[in-house]
């Protein structure tokens, strides 16, 4: 890992933290707010690639673990690791990694094809993978059951699809002007 890689990982960890400063929108699902930090996770994967994107997320999760209030709403500390959103939090690692892998495979061609490929990558990583981890934990931790956890989380899909579109626009725009090799 080069110095440039470390700087990019640190910058994206900071970016994800900054997105957490935007106030969360409370929802009907207990303890699961709408935040912009999942946009940062999608961007970490689609811009930095699987390894560096996942590392940026691991840095954020480590900061949470040492008690820094880096999550939306000023949350932090070891208690978050076992709260109702822990599945979504730890799912960020796999989400960024998968978004990066899929972006590497699909980000080719003209602007429209690139946007479509990165959008699909952000959707697969930031929605499919993230929701699988988050819903599984939510169902087991809260005792809601699988169907209630699933249908309670489905309400977030339109917002996360919008975040995936934003991630695709930003990724295509940034990489056209500042090529970043995904690693």
Foldseek 3Di string as FASTA:
>chain_A
DDPVLVVLLQVLLVVLLVQLAPAWADDPPPPDTHTCSLLSLLLLQLAAAQPSSLSSLVVNLVCLCVPALRHRPRHGHPVCCQDLQVLLSNLSNQLSNQLRVQLVVFQDDDLVSNLVSSLVSNCCSSPVSSLVRNLVSNCVRVVPHNVCSVVRCVVCNVVSSVSSSVSSVVNSVCCVVPNHDHD
